[in-house]
Every structure is written in C-alpha cells, then in structure tokens.
PDB file of N, CA and C in Angstrom:
ATOM      1  N   MET A   1       0.841  -1.177   0.000  1.00  0.00           N
ATOM      2  CA  MET A   1       0.000   0.000   0.000  1.00  0.00           C
ATOM      3  C   MET A   1       0.889   1.244   0.000  1.00  0.00           C
ATOM      4  N   SER A   2       0.591   2.193  -0.865  1.00  0.00           N
ATOM      5  CA  SER A   2       1.370   3.416  -0.991  1.00  0.00           C
ATOM      6  C   SER A   2       1.158   4.323   0.218  1.00  0.00           C
ATOM      7  N   ARG A   3       2.156   5.119   0.516  1.00  0.00           N
ATOM      8  CA  ARG A   3       2.088   6.032   1.646  1.00  0.00           C
ATOM      9  C   ARG A   3       2.887   7.277   1.303  1.00  0.00           C
ATOM     10  N   ALA A   4       2.822   8.279   2.158  1.00  0.00           N
ATOM     11  CA  ALA A   4       3.606   9.502   1.973  1.00  0.00           C
ATOM     12  C   ALA A   4       5.013   9.276   2.516  1.00  0.00           C
ATOM     13  N   CYS A   5       5.972  10.004   1.972  1.00  0.00           N
ATOM     14  CA  CYS A   5       7.341   9.901   2.473  1.00  0.00           C
ATOM     15  C   CYS A   5       7.417  10.355   3.926  1.00  0.00           C
ATOM     16  N   ARG A   6       8.274   9.678   4.679  1.00  0.00           N
ATOM     17  CA  ARG A   6       8.522  10.035   6.078  1.00  0.00           C
ATOM     18  C   ARG A   6       9.382  11.302   6.091  1.00  0.00           C
ATOM     19  N   ASP A   7       9.018  12.243   6.919  1.00  0.00           N
ATOM     20  CA  ASP A   7       9.770  13.485   7.046  1.00  0.00           C
ATOM     21  C   ASP A   7      11.185  13.192   7.536  1.00  0.00           C
ATOM     22  N   ARG A   8      12.164  13.831   6.931  1.00  0.00           N
ATOM     23  CA  ARG A   8      13.584  13.738   7.301  1.00  0.00           C
ATOM     24  C   ARG A   8      14.091  12.290   7.316  1.00  0.00           C
ATOM     25  N   CYS A   9      13.775  11.564   6.254  1.00  0.00           N
ATOM     26  CA  CYS A   9      14.227  10.177   6.139  1.00  0.00           C
ATOM     27  C   CYS A   9      15.371  10.073   5.139  1.00  0.00           C
ATOM     28  N   GLY A  10      15.083  10.215   3.859  1.00  0.00           N
ATOM     29  CA  GLY A  10      16.113  10.164   2.828  1.00  0.00           C
ATOM     30  C   GLY A  10      16.698   8.790   2.561  1.00  0.00           C
ATOM     31  N   ALA A  11      16.141   7.735   3.151  1.00  0.00           N
ATOM     32  CA  ALA A  11      16.699   6.392   2.975  1.00  0.00           C
ATOM     33  C   ALA A  11      16.789   6.006   1.503  1.00  0.00           C
ATOM     34  N   CYS A  12      15.783   6.347   0.714  1.00  0.00           N
ATOM     35  CA  CYS A  12      15.784   5.964  -0.697  1.00  0.00           C
ATOM     36  C   CYS A  12      16.791   6.775  -1.508  1.00  0.00           C
ATOM     37  N   CYS A  13      17.343   7.837  -0.927  1.00  0.00           N
ATOM     38  CA  CYS A  13      18.364   8.655  -1.591  1.00  0.00           C
ATOM     39  C   CYS A  13      19.768   8.312  -1.086  1.00  0.00           C
ATOM     40  N   ILE A  14      19.850   7.351  -0.171  1.00  0.00           N
ATOM     41  CA  ILE A  14      21.136   6.959   0.400  1.00  0.00           C
ATOM     42  C   ILE A  14      21.405   5.473   0.158  1.00  0.00           C
ATOM     43  N   ALA A  15      20.486   4.616   0.547  1.00  0.00           N
ATOM     44  CA  ALA A  15      20.730   3.163   0.553  1.00  0.00           C
ATOM     45  C   ALA A  15      20.972   2.549  -0.823  1.00  0.00           C
ATOM     46  N   PRO A  16      20.159   2.820  -1.836  1.00  0.00           N
ATOM     47  CA  PRO A  16      20.370   2.115  -3.109  1.00  0.00           C
ATOM     48  C   PRO A  16      21.457   2.743  -3.972  1.00  0.00           C
ATOM     49  N   SER A  17      22.036   1.924  -4.835  1.00  0.00           N
ATOM     50  CA  SER A  17      22.919   2.453  -5.868  1.00  0.00           C
ATOM     51  C   SER A  17      22.038   2.981  -6.998  1.00  0.00           C
ATOM     52  N   ILE A  18      22.559   3.959  -7.710  1.00  0.00           N
ATOM     53  CA  ILE A  18      21.864   4.507  -8.878  1.00  0.00           C
ATOM     54  C   ILE A  18      22.876   4.490 -10.008  1.00  0.00           C
ATOM     55  N   ASN A  19      22.549   3.792 -11.077  1.00  0.00           N
ATOM     56  CA  ASN A  19      23.502   3.608 -12.175  1.00  0.00           C
ATOM     57  C   ASN A  19      23.383   4.635 -13.284  1.00  0.00           C
ATOM     58  N   SER A  20      22.367   5.461 -13.238  1.00  0.00           N
ATOM     59  CA  SER A  20      22.203   6.485 -14.268  1.00  0.00           C
ATOM     60  C   SER A  20      22.737   7.824 -13.756  1.00  0.00           C
ATOM     61  N   PRO A  21      23.050   8.744 -14.679  1.00  0.00           N
ATOM     62  CA  PRO A  21      23.573  10.043 -14.258  1.00  0.00           C
ATOM     63  C   PRO A  21      22.575  10.815 -13.396  1.00  0.00           C
ATOM     64  N   ILE A  22      23.130  11.543 -12.454  1.00  0.00           N
ATOM     65  CA  ILE A  22      22.377  12.441 -11.577  1.00  0.00           C
ATOM     66  C   ILE A  22      23.095  13.783 -11.695  1.00  0.00           C
ATOM     67  N   PRO A  23      22.398  14.904 -11.814  1.00  0.00           N
ATOM     68  CA  PRO A  23      23.119  16.179 -11.825  1.00  0.00           C
ATOM     69  C   PRO A  23      24.049  16.277 -10.607  1.00  0.00           C
ATOM     70  N   GLY A  24      25.326  16.458 -10.883  1.00  0.00           N
ATOM     71  CA  GLY A  24      26.325  16.506  -9.821  1.00  0.00           C
ATOM     72  C   GLY A  24      26.986  15.167  -9.558  1.00  0.00           C
ATOM     73  N   MET A  25      26.437  14.103 -10.119  1.00  0.00           N
ATOM     74  CA  MET A  25      26.999  12.744 -10.002  1.00  0.00           C
ATOM     75  C   MET A  25      26.836  12.081 -11.373  1.00  0.00           C
ATOM     76  N   PRO A  26      27.689  12.440 -12.332  1.00  0.00           N
ATOM     77  CA  PRO A  26      27.487  11.985 -13.708  1.00  0.00           C
ATOM     78  C   PRO A  26      27.564  10.475 -13.915  1.00  0.00           C
ATOM     79  N   HIS A  27      28.151   9.758 -12.975  1.00  0.00           N
ATOM     80  CA  HIS A  27      28.248   8.299 -13.094  1.00  0.00           C
ATOM     81  C   HIS A  27      27.293   7.593 -12.140  1.00  0.00           C
ATOM     82  N   GLY A  28      26.318   8.310 -11.612  1.00  0.00           N
ATOM     83  CA  GLY A  28      25.398   7.743 -10.640  1.00  0.00           C
ATOM     84  C   GLY A  28      26.020   7.740  -9.259  1.00  0.00           C
ATOM     85  N   LYS A  29      25.535   6.864  -8.372  1.00  0.00           N
ATOM     86  CA  LYS A  29      26.073   6.817  -7.015  1.00  0.00           C
ATOM     87  C   LYS A  29      26.093   5.390  -6.492  1.00  0.00           C
ATOM     88  N   PRO A  30      27.081   5.089  -5.659  1.00  0.00           N
ATOM     89  CA  PRO A  30      27.122   3.762  -5.045  1.00  0.00           C
ATOM     90  C   PRO A  30      26.126   3.642  -3.891  1.00  0.00           C
ATOM     91  N   ALA A  31      25.779   2.426  -3.558  1.00  0.00           N
ATOM     92  CA  ALA A  31      24.889   2.170  -2.421  1.00  0.00           C
ATOM     93  C   ALA A  31      25.522   2.701  -1.139  1.00  0.00           C
ATOM     94  N   GLY A  32      24.685   3.269  -0.289  1.00  0.00           N
ATOM     95  CA  GLY A  32      25.132   3.754   1.013  1.00  0.00           C
ATOM     96  C   GLY A  32      25.708   5.152   1.013  1.00  0.00           C
ATOM     97  N   ILE A  33      25.847   5.761  -0.142  1.00  0.00           N
ATOM     98  CA  ILE A  33      26.364   7.123  -0.272  1.00  0.00           C
ATOM     99  C   ILE A  33      25.196   8.061  -0.537  1.00  0.00           C
ATOM    100  N   PRO A  34      25.065   9.145   0.240  1.00  0.00           N
ATOM    101  CA  PRO A  34      23.964  10.083  -0.019  1.00  0.00           C
ATOM    102  C   PRO A  34      24.079  10.731  -1.400  1.00  0.00           C
ATOM    103  N   CYS A  35      22.991  10.863  -2.066  1.00  0.00           N
ATOM    104  CA  CYS A  35      22.925  11.574  -3.339  1.00  0.00           C
ATOM    105  C   CYS A  35      23.246  13.051  -3.086  1.00  0.00           C
ATOM    106  N   VAL A  36      23.968  13.683  -4.023  1.00  0.00           N
ATOM    107  CA  VAL A  36      24.286  15.104  -3.863  1.00  0.00           C
ATOM    108  C   VAL A  36      23.041  15.977  -3.954  1.00  0.00           C
ATOM    109  N   GLN A  37      21.955  15.440  -4.462  1.00  0.00           N
ATOM    110  CA  GLN A  37      20.710  16.198  -4.566  1.00  0.00           C
ATOM    111  C   GLN A  37      19.851  16.106  -3.306  1.00  0.00           C
ATOM    112  N   LEU A  38      20.330  15.448  -2.288  1.00  0.00           N
ATOM    113  CA  LEU A  38      19.620  15.356  -1.013  1.00  0.00           C
ATOM    114  C   LEU A  38      19.938  16.612  -0.206  1.00  0.00           C
ATOM    115  N   ASP A  39      18.911  17.364   0.176  1.00  0.00           N
ATOM    116  CA  ASP A  39      19.162  18.622   0.886  1.00  0.00           C
ATOM    117  C   ASP A  39      19.295  18.411   2.401  1.00  0.00           C
ATOM    118  N   ASP A  40      19.475  19.490   3.136  1.00  0.00           N
ATOM    119  CA  ASP A  40      19.673  19.422   4.589  1.00  0.00           C
ATOM    120  C   ASP A  40      18.453  18.879   5.336  1.00  0.00           C
ATOM    121  N   GLU A  41      17.296  18.946   4.704  1.00  0.00           N
ATOM    122  CA  GLU A  41      16.071  18.417   5.306  1.00  0.00           C
ATOM    123  C   GLU A  41      15.811  16.968   4.860  1.00  0.00           C
ATOM    124  N   LEU A  42      16.805  16.382   4.172  1.00  0.00           N
ATOM    125  CA  LEU A  42      16.727  15.012   3.633  1.00  0.00           C
ATOM    126  C   LEU A  42      15.586  14.855   2.629  1.00  0.00           C
ATOM    127  N   ARG A  43      15.476  15.860   1.777  1.00  0.00           N
ATOM    128  CA  ARG A  43      14.499  15.846   0.685  1.00  0.00           C
ATOM    129  C   ARG A  43      15.232  15.991  -0.633  1.00  0.00           C
ATOM    130  N   CYS A  44      14.676  15.404  -1.681  1.00  0.00           N
ATOM    131  CA  CYS A  44      15.282  15.438  -3.009  1.00  0.00           C
ATOM    132  C   CYS A  44      15.065  16.807  -3.663  1.00  0.00           C
ATOM    133  N   ARG A  45      16.153  17.428  -4.086  1.00  0.00           N
ATOM    134  CA  ARG A  45      16.063  18.715  -4.789  1.00  0.00           C
ATOM    135  C   ARG A  45      15.480  18.544  -6.196  1.00  0.00           C
ATOM    136  N   LEU A  46      15.494  17.319  -6.720  1.00  0.00           N
ATOM    137  CA  LEU A  46      15.018  17.053  -8.083  1.00  0.00           C
ATOM    138  C   LEU A  46      13.604  16.492  -8.133  1.00  0.00           C
ATOM    139  N   PHE A  47      12.972  16.320  -6.987  1.00  0.00           N
ATOM    140  CA  PHE A  47      11.638  15.702  -6.949  1.00  0.00           C
ATOM    141  C   PHE A  47      10.695  16.451  -7.892  1.00  0.00           C
ATOM    142  N   GLY A  48      10.045  15.696  -8.783  1.00  0.00           N
ATOM    143  CA  GLY A  48       9.092  16.279  -9.719  1.00  0.00           C
ATOM    144  C   GLY A  48       9.721  16.957 -10.922  1.00  0.00           C
ATOM    145  N   ARG A  49      11.042  16.921 -11.040  1.00  0.00           N
ATOM    146  CA  ARG A  49      11.731  17.572 -12.155  1.00  0.00           C
ATOM    147  C   ARG A  49      12.190  16.520 -13.168  1.00  0.00           C
ATOM    148  N   PRO A  50      12.300  16.922 -14.437  1.00  0.00           N
ATOM    149  CA  PRO A  50      12.685  15.958 -15.467  1.00  0.00           C
ATOM    150  C   PRO A  50      14.109  15.415 -15.302  1.00  0.00           C
ATOM    151  N   GLU A  51      14.968  16.123 -14.595  1.00  0.00           N
ATOM    152  CA  GLU A  51      16.344  15.678 -14.382  1.00  0.00           C
ATOM    153  C   GLU A  51      16.445  14.528 -13.382  1.00  0.00           C
ATOM    154  N   ARG A  52      15.393  14.287 -12.650  1.00  0.00           N
ATOM    155  CA  ARG A  52      15.398  13.216 -11.645  1.00  0.00           C
ATOM    156  C   ARG A  52      15.511  11.866 -12.350  1.00  0.00           C
ATOM    157  N   PRO A  53      16.450  11.013 -11.918  1.00  0.00           N
ATOM    158  CA  PRO A  53      16.595   9.707 -12.562  1.00  0.00           C
ATOM    159  C   PRO A  53      15.303   8.880 -12.502  1.00  0.00           C
ATOM    160  N   ALA A  54      15.062   8.128 -13.564  1.00  0.00           N
ATOM    161  CA  ALA A  54      13.858   7.289 -13.622  1.00  0.00           C
ATOM    162  C   ALA A  54      13.818   6.306 -12.457  1.00  0.00           C
ATOM    163  N   PHE A  55      14.980   5.779 -12.062  1.00  0.00           N
ATOM    164  CA  PHE A  55      15.023   4.853 -10.930  1.00  0.00           C
ATOM    165  C   PHE A  55      14.402   5.485  -9.692  1.00  0.00           C
ATOM    166  N   CYS A  56      14.732   6.732  -9.444  1.00  0.00           N
ATOM    167  CA  CYS A  56      14.217   7.420  -8.249  1.00  0.00           C
ATOM    168  C   CYS A  56      12.702   7.540  -8.301  1.00  0.00           C
ATOM    169  N   GLY A  57      12.187   7.877  -9.471  1.00  0.00           N
ATOM    170  CA  GLY A  57      10.749   7.980  -9.627  1.00  0.00           C
ATOM    171  C   GLY A  57      10.038   6.651  -9.474  1.00  0.00           C
ATOM    172  N   SER A  58      10.774   5.552  -9.709  1.00  0.00           N
ATOM    173  CA  SER A  58      10.153   4.232  -9.585  1.00  0.00           C
ATOM    174  C   SER A  58      10.010   3.785  -8.132  1.00  0.00           C
ATOM    175  N   LEU A  59      10.763   4.390  -7.236  1.00  0.00           N
ATOM    176  CA  LEU A  59      10.648   4.038  -5.814  1.00  0.00           C
ATOM    177  C   LEU A  59       9.439   4.741  -5.214  1.00  0.00           C
ATOM    178  N   GLN A  60       8.471   3.983  -4.826  1.00  0.00           N
ATOM    179  CA  GLN A  60       7.261   4.535  -4.227  1.00  0.00           C
ATOM    180  C   GLN A  60       7.191   4.093  -2.767  1.00  0.00           C
ATOM    181  N   PRO A  61       6.992   5.024  -1.847  1.00  0.00           N
ATOM    182  CA  PRO A  61       6.966   4.639  -0.431  1.00  0.00           C
ATOM    183  C   PRO A  61       5.821   3.677  -0.120  1.00  0.00           C
ATOM    184  N   THR A  62       6.190   2.579   0.508  1.00  0.00           N
ATOM    185  CA  THR A  62       5.212   1.581   0.932  1.00  0.00           C
ATOM    186  C   THR A  62       5.534   1.191   2.369  1.00  0.00           C
ATOM    187  N   GLY A  63       4.601   0.582   3.034  1.00  0.00           N
ATOM    188  CA  GLY A  63       4.830   0.120   4.394  1.00  0.00           C
ATOM    189  C   GLY A  63       5.989  -0.850   4.469  1.00  0.00           C
ATOM    190  N   GLU A  64       6.094  -1.755   3.484  1.00  0.00           N
ATOM    191  CA  GLU A  64       7.189  -2.728   3.467  1.00  0.00           C
ATOM    192  C   GLU A  64       8.540  -2.045   3.310  1.00  0.00           C
ATOM    193  N   MET A  65       8.633  -1.122   2.356  1.00  0.00           N
ATOM    194  CA  MET A  65       9.901  -0.453   2.094  1.00  0.00           C
ATOM    195  C   MET A  65      10.287   0.497   3.232  1.00  0.00           C
ATOM    196  N   CYS A  66       9.349   1.229   3.740  1.00  0.00           N
ATOM    197  CA  CYS A  66       9.654   2.273   4.723  1.00  0.00           C
ATOM    198  C   CYS A  66       9.726   1.770   6.160  1.00  0.00           C
ATOM    199  N   GLY A  67       9.064   0.661   6.454  1.00  0.00           N
ATOM    200  CA  GLY A  67       9.082   0.122   7.805  1.00  0.00           C
ATOM    201  C   GLY A  67       8.500   1.090   8.825  1.00  0.00           C
ATOM    202  N   GLN A  68       8.876   0.891  10.068  1.00  0.00           N
ATOM    203  CA  GLN A  68       8.359   1.717  11.164  1.00  0.00           C
ATOM    204  C   GLN A  68       9.162   2.995  11.374  1.00  0.00           C
ATOM    205  N   ASP A  69      10.409   3.011  10.874  1.00  0.00           N
ATOM    206  CA  ASP A  69      11.252   4.196  11.063  1.00  0.00           C
ATOM    207  C   ASP A  69      12.348   4.207  10.000  1.00  0.00           C
ATOM    208  N   ARG A  70      13.156   5.244   9.997  1.00  0.00           N
ATOM    209  CA  ARG A  70      14.219   5.412   9.010  1.00  0.00           C
ATOM    210  C   ARG A  70      15.198   4.238   9.038  1.00  0.00           C
ATOM    211  N   ALA A  71      15.546   3.760  10.220  1.00  0.00           N
ATOM    212  CA  ALA A  71      16.489   2.642  10.340  1.00  0.00           C
ATOM    213  C   ALA A  71      15.964   1.398   9.617  1.00  0.00           C
ATOM    214  N   GLN A  72      14.680   1.111   9.759  1.00  0.00           N
ATOM    215  CA  GLN A  72      14.097  -0.043   9.071  1.00  0.00           C
ATOM    216  C   GLN A  72      14.097   0.175   7.567  1.00  0.00           C
ATOM    217  N   ALA A  73      13.838   1.398   7.126  1.00  0.00           N
ATOM    218  CA  ALA A  73      13.862   1.701   5.692  1.00  0.00           C
ATOM    219  C   ALA A  73      15.264   1.487   5.137  1.00  0.00           C
ATOM    220  N   MET A  74      16.283   1.955   5.842  1.00  0.00           N
ATOM    221  CA  MET A  74      17.660   1.768   5.401  1.00  0.00           C
ATOM    222  C   MET A  74      18.000   0.280   5.342  1.00  0.00           C
ATOM    223  N   GLN A  75      17.566  -0.477   6.333  1.00  0.00           N
ATOM    224  CA  GLN A  75      17.841  -1.908   6.379  1.00  0.00           C
ATOM    225  C   GLN A  75      17.174  -2.631   5.209  1.00  0.00           C
ATOM    226  N   TRP A  76      15.901  -2.346   4.965  1.00  0.00           N
ATOM    227  CA  TRP A  76      15.182  -3.022   3.885  1.00  0.00           C
ATOM    228  C   TRP A  76      15.778  -2.666   2.530  1.00  0.00           C
ATOM    229  N   LEU A  77      16.058  -1.382   2.301  1.00  0.00           N
ATOM    230  CA  LEU A  77      16.635  -0.967   1.023  1.00  0.00           C
ATOM    231  C   LEU A  77      18.039  -1.536   0.840  1.00  0.00           C
ATOM    232  N   GLY A  78      18.809  -1.646   1.924  1.00  0.00           N
ATOM    233  CA  GLY A  78      20.120  -2.283   1.855  1.00  0.00           C
ATOM    234  C   GLY A  78      20.007  -3.745   1.486  1.00  0.00           C
ATOM    235  N   TRP A  79      19.037  -4.438   2.067  1.00  0.00           N
ATOM    236  CA  TRP A  79      18.788  -5.837   1.743  1.00  0.00           C
ATOM    237  C   TRP A  79      18.404  -5.968   0.270  1.00  0.00           C
ATOM    238  N   LEU A  80      17.520  -5.092  -0.199  1.00  0.00           N
ATOM    239  CA  LEU A  80      17.093  -5.134  -1.597  1.00  0.00           C
ATOM    240  C   LEU A  80      18.281  -4.895  -2.529  1.00  0.00           C
ATOM    241  N   GLU A  81      19.139  -3.978  -2.155  1.00  0.00           N
ATOM    242  CA  GLU A  81      20.350  -3.708  -2.943  1.00  0.00           C
ATOM    243  C   GLU A  81      21.200  -4.977  -3.058  1.00  0.00           C
ATOM    244  N   GLU A  82      21.398  -5.668  -1.964  1.00  0.00           N
ATOM    245  CA  GLU A  82      22.179  -6.908  -1.970  1.00  0.00           C
ATOM    246  C   GLU A  82      21.534  -7.979  -2.841  1.00  0.00           C
ATOM    247  N   GLN A  83      20.202  -8.102  -2.754  1.00  0.00           N
ATOM    248  CA  GLN A  83      19.480  -9.132  -3.491  1.00  0.00           C
ATOM    249  C   GLN A  83      19.461  -8.900  -4.998  1.00  0.00           C
ATOM    250  N   THR A  84      19.609  -7.660  -5.414  1.00  0.00           N
ATOM    251  CA  THR A  84      19.528  -7.333  -6.837  1.00  0.00           C
ATOM    252  C   THR A  84      20.884  -7.011  -7.456  1.00  0.00           C
ATOM    253  N   ARG A  85      21.945  -7.146  -6.680  1.00  0.00           N
ATOM    254  CA  ARG A  85      23.299  -6.886  -7.186  1.00  0.00           C
ATOM    255  C   ARG A  85      23.654  -7.942  -8.237  1.00  0.00           C
ATOM    256  N   PRO A  86      24.150  -7.506  -9.400  1.00  0.00           N
ATOM    257  CA  PRO A  86      24.537  -8.467 -10.439  1.00  0.00           C
ATOM    258  C   PRO A  86      25.670  -9.388  -9.968  1.00  0.00           C
ATOM    259  N   GLY A  87      25.617 -10.637 -10.458  1.00  0.00           N
ATOM    260  CA  GLY A  87      26.654 -11.640 -10.287  1.00  0.00           C
ATOM    261  C   GLY A  87      27.218 -11.750  -8.942  1.00  0.00           C
TER     262      GLY A  87
END
C-alpha cells in the first residue's frame, strides 16, 4: 500500500545504488552514499523535475519499504540492494 514519504528520512536517496547520471553525479552513485541532490532536510532537490533519474521515480513509499522508522527503511533498502546486485 502506498504512503507519503517520512519526514527527514532520505533512505531511498542513500541506501540504493543509482547507475544512471544524476546532476552533480554523472556516473550515478554507489549504495550507502547520499545523493548530492539530497538537501539538509533530507528531501530530493530534483523531486518532480525531469532531471530526476527514472530509478528514483520508480521508488514509491510503501509500508514494506519504509518500515516503522528510518532505520528499518535503510535496512530493507540495503537488503534489496544486496538481493539485486549483479553476479
């Protein structure tokens, strides 16, 4: 079930790797590294803009992904990153 983003979380902008270019990160970003587009309030500066990577737009907050708190979201997204890592 879809939900609203948790305030001051940013887990989806830190935990997963992104393989496509991001403004300020032309080669994407590795897992566990904050995106340069994450602001001080842990919100995406590119949200709703065409420059936002398609991968980011595909992440939709759900109870499973977000868990009960930011720590659970980071853990679940880290697990997903491990499960989908090539080879």
